[in-house]
Amino acid sequence: MIDENEPIPQWKTTSKHVIAKSPFLSLEEHHRKEEGTDREGDFFIIHAPDWVNVIALTENDDIVLIEQFRQGSEKVELEIPSGIIDSDESPADAALRELTEETGYERTSNSEFRKIGEVTPNPAFIRNKCHTYLITNVRLSGKTQFDEHENIRVRIEPRRNIEDLIRSGEIEHALIITAFYWMRLAGY
């Protein structure tokens, strides 16, 4: 154990190489050495673009949720609109785009739109951030535009049901639960 007055040693990369690359992420193997010790090892790091989550509240204060099949869990997940931030857009622009593309809901002249949080999804091996935005008073425009492999159903839930959906395990995606925690911290 490190004494509370001692700094925690950093690990420095001495070599690295790309193991796999796709349009959305790359997997690298890093050989690293710990400063001040003889310890060294190989570590695998995923480089992914930043992501965005959007909590959208309707004019009736209901939450706009989506249901879609997820390849990792191999089942339909209940989530909020979310997605990759394109390299040429800001997180805020990505949030508005994802909301409309996935749900057909858009902001109105009465909408409040603001960033409520940012996390590192898993700093143990992934290098990216997830930005969470909240938008109020959204209205259905019907202008969805799903990505090639998306098949999404929109589900509107009263805000009061969200904690029960989390407790029951119907919402179990960690970044979605984190977004609702950010919403609470933001005073909503």
Protein backbone atom coordinates (compact mmCIF):
# COMPACT_ATOMS: atom_id res chain seq x y z
CA MET A 1 0.00 0.00 0.00
CA ILE A 2 1.20 3.50 -0.80
CA ASP A 3 1.61 5.86 2.12
CA GLU A 4 -0.88 8.74 2.02
CA ASN A 5 1.95 11.26 1.67
CA GLU A 6 3.60 9.49 -1.25
CA PRO A 7 2.59 10.17 -4.85
CA ILE A 8 1.08 7.26 -6.76
CA PRO A 9 3.60 6.16 -9.42
CA GLN A 10 2.68 6.76 -13.04
CA TRP A 11 3.14 4.17 -15.79
CA LYS A 12 4.94 5.32 -18.96
CA THR A 13 4.50 3.73 -22.37
CA THR A 14 7.77 2.43 -23.81
CA SER A 15 6.26 0.88 -26.94
CA LYS A 16 2.85 0.38 -28.52
CA HIS A 17 1.24 -1.08 -31.59
CA VAL A 18 -2.24 -1.23 -33.08
CA ILE A 19 -3.81 -4.68 -32.85
CA ALA A 20 -7.14 -3.91 -34.52
CA LYS A 21 -8.79 -0.87 -36.09
CA SER A 22 -12.34 -0.14 -37.20
CA PRO A 23 -14.09 3.06 -38.28
CA PHE A 24 -15.23 3.57 -34.66
CA LEU A 25 -12.33 2.42 -32.50
CA SER A 26 -8.84 1.01 -32.33
CA LEU A 27 -7.24 -1.48 -29.96
CA GLU A 28 -3.63 -0.89 -29.01
CA GLU A 29 -1.18 -2.93 -26.96
CA HIS A 30 1.05 -0.71 -24.78
CA HIS A 31 4.16 -1.96 -23.04
CA ARG A 32 4.54 0.18 -19.92
CA LYS A 33 6.94 0.62 -17.03
CA GLU A 34 6.05 1.98 -13.62
CA GLU A 35 8.09 4.99 -12.52
CA GLY A 36 10.48 4.28 -9.64
CA THR A 37 10.01 0.50 -9.70
CA ASP A 38 11.05 -2.45 -11.83
CA ARG A 39 7.45 -3.34 -12.65
CA GLU A 40 6.40 -3.48 -16.27
CA GLY A 41 3.64 -5.07 -18.29
CA ASP A 42 1.49 -5.11 -21.38
CA PHE A 43 -1.82 -3.23 -21.32
CA PHE A 44 -4.60 -3.06 -23.89
CA ILE A 45 -6.15 0.33 -24.58
CA ILE A 46 -9.24 1.06 -26.65
CA HIS A 47 -9.32 4.43 -28.41
CA ALA A 48 -12.92 5.41 -29.09
CA PRO A 49 -14.57 8.67 -30.09
CA ASP A 50 -16.37 10.61 -27.40
CA TRP A 51 -20.02 9.74 -26.86
CA VAL A 52 -23.08 11.80 -26.02
CA ASN A 53 -26.22 10.99 -23.99
CA VAL A 54 -29.41 13.05 -24.13
CA ILE A 55 -32.10 13.21 -21.49
CA ALA A 56 -35.10 14.72 -23.23
CA LEU A 57 -38.18 15.89 -21.35
CA THR A 58 -41.44 16.44 -23.19
CA GLU A 59 -43.70 19.41 -22.58
CA ASN A 60 -45.57 17.13 -20.10
CA ASP A 61 -42.26 16.42 -18.27
CA ASP A 62 -42.11 12.82 -19.49
CA ILE A 63 -38.79 11.21 -20.45
CA VAL A 64 -38.09 10.19 -24.05
CA LEU A 65 -36.53 6.70 -23.96
CA ILE A 66 -35.53 4.30 -26.70
CA GLU A 67 -35.47 0.53 -26.96
CA GLN A 68 -32.96 -1.13 -29.24
CA PHE A 69 -31.01 -4.37 -29.59
CA ARG A 70 -27.43 -4.07 -28.31
CA GLN A 71 -24.73 -6.31 -29.73
CA GLY A 72 -22.70 -6.45 -26.50
CA SER A 73 -25.50 -7.57 -24.17
CA GLU A 74 -27.26 -9.44 -26.99
CA LYS A 75 -30.65 -8.13 -25.91
CA VAL A 76 -32.98 -5.17 -26.21
CA GLU A 77 -31.93 -2.37 -23.85
CA LEU A 78 -33.98 0.54 -22.52
CA GLU A 79 -31.89 3.70 -22.86
CA ILE A 80 -31.91 7.40 -23.63
CA PRO A 81 -30.87 8.69 -27.07
CA SER A 82 -27.10 8.50 -27.44
CA GLY A 83 -24.31 8.07 -29.90
CA ILE A 84 -20.88 8.88 -31.21
CA ILE A 85 -19.80 12.50 -31.54
CA ASP A 86 -18.63 12.96 -35.12
CA SER A 87 -15.16 14.46 -35.55
CA ASP A 88 -16.58 17.63 -37.12
CA GLU A 89 -19.22 18.43 -34.50
CA SER A 90 -19.42 19.65 -30.92
CA PRO A 91 -20.91 17.48 -28.18
CA ALA A 92 -23.94 19.82 -28.05
CA ASP A 93 -24.56 19.49 -31.80
CA ALA A 94 -24.21 15.71 -31.53
CA ALA A 95 -26.76 15.65 -28.71
CA LEU A 96 -29.36 17.51 -30.77
CA ARG A 97 -28.62 15.37 -33.85
CA GLU A 98 -28.88 12.06 -31.96
CA LEU A 99 -32.14 13.11 -30.30
CA THR A 100 -33.80 13.84 -33.64
CA GLU A 101 -32.25 10.93 -35.55
CA GLU A 102 -33.19 8.32 -32.96
CA THR A 103 -36.54 9.64 -31.68
CA GLY A 104 -37.97 12.26 -34.02
CA TYR A 105 -38.12 14.71 -31.11
CA GLU A 106 -36.65 18.21 -31.44
CA ARG A 107 -36.11 21.25 -29.29
CA THR A 108 -38.69 24.04 -29.27
CA SER A 109 -38.46 27.75 -28.63
CA ASN A 110 -39.32 26.95 -24.98
CA SER A 111 -36.56 24.34 -24.55
CA GLU A 112 -33.78 24.62 -22.03
CA PHE A 113 -30.70 22.85 -23.37
CA ARG A 114 -27.54 22.38 -21.34
CA LYS A 115 -24.73 20.05 -20.51
CA ILE A 116 -25.24 18.43 -17.11
CA GLY A 117 -22.27 16.09 -16.87
CA GLU A 118 -19.25 14.32 -18.31
CA VAL A 119 -17.63 11.00 -17.36
CA THR A 120 -14.87 8.69 -18.50
CA PRO A 121 -16.81 5.46 -19.24
CA ASN A 122 -14.04 3.06 -18.19
CA PRO A 123 -10.60 4.62 -17.70
CA ALA A 124 -9.09 1.20 -16.99
CA PHE A 125 -8.84 0.54 -20.72
CA ILE A 126 -10.94 2.99 -22.77
CA ARG A 127 -9.83 6.49 -23.78
CA ASN A 128 -12.90 8.61 -24.30
CA LYS A 129 -15.54 10.68 -22.56
CA CYS A 130 -19.33 10.55 -22.42
CA HIS A 131 -21.07 13.95 -22.32
CA THR A 132 -24.62 14.18 -20.96
CA TYR A 133 -27.09 16.86 -22.03
CA LEU A 134 -30.56 17.68 -20.81
CA ILE A 135 -33.18 19.27 -23.03
CA THR A 136 -36.66 20.25 -21.88
CA ASN A 137 -39.91 20.88 -23.75
CA VAL A 138 -39.11 18.69 -26.75
CA ARG A 139 -41.77 18.08 -29.34
CA LEU A 140 -42.26 15.24 -31.81
CA SER A 141 -41.38 16.16 -35.39
CA GLY A 142 -41.23 12.61 -36.71
CA LYS A 143 -37.97 13.18 -38.61
CA THR A 144 -36.00 10.08 -37.57
CA GLN A 145 -32.94 8.88 -39.46
CA PHE A 146 -31.57 5.63 -38.08
CA ASP A 147 -28.00 4.47 -38.69
CA GLU A 148 -27.56 1.43 -40.93
CA HIS A 149 -27.72 -1.12 -38.08
CA GLU A 150 -30.26 0.64 -35.83
CA ASN A 151 -33.86 -0.41 -35.33
CA ILE A 152 -35.29 1.77 -32.56
CA ARG A 153 -38.63 2.02 -30.78
CA VAL A 154 -39.40 5.23 -28.87
CA ARG A 155 -40.92 4.84 -25.43
CA ILE A 156 -42.27 7.74 -23.37
CA GLU A 157 -42.18 7.25 -19.60
CA PRO A 158 -43.35 9.49 -16.79
CA ARG A 159 -40.35 10.90 -15.00
CA ARG A 160 -41.49 9.38 -11.72
CA ASN A 161 -41.01 5.87 -13.20
CA ILE A 162 -37.28 6.18 -13.93
CA GLU A 163 -35.99 5.07 -10.53
CA ASP A 164 -38.30 2.03 -10.59
CA LEU A 165 -37.04 1.14 -14.09
CA ILE A 166 -33.48 1.29 -12.76
CA ARG A 167 -34.27 -0.68 -9.58
CA SER A 168 -36.06 -3.40 -11.55
CA GLY A 169 -33.14 -3.78 -13.97
CA GLU A 170 -35.15 -2.70 -16.98
CA ILE A 171 -32.64 0.15 -17.33
CA GLU A 172 -29.22 -1.37 -16.63
CA HIS A 173 -26.86 0.48 -18.97
CA ALA A 174 -24.32 2.15 -16.64
CA LEU A 175 -23.95 5.32 -18.72
CA ILE A 176 -27.73 5.79 -18.84
CA ILE A 177 -27.99 5.39 -15.05
CA THR A 178 -25.13 7.87 -14.71
CA ALA A 179 -27.01 10.34 -16.93
CA PHE A 180 -30.03 10.18 -14.62
CA TYR A 181 -27.72 10.78 -11.65
CA TRP A 182 -26.35 13.88 -13.44
CA MET A 183 -29.95 15.01 -13.93
CA ARG A 184 -30.58 14.73 -10.20
CA LEU A 185 -27.35 16.61 -9.39
CA ALA A 186 -28.44 19.35 -11.81
CA GLY A 187 -31.62 19.82 -9.77
CA TYR A 188 -34.16 18.16 -12.06
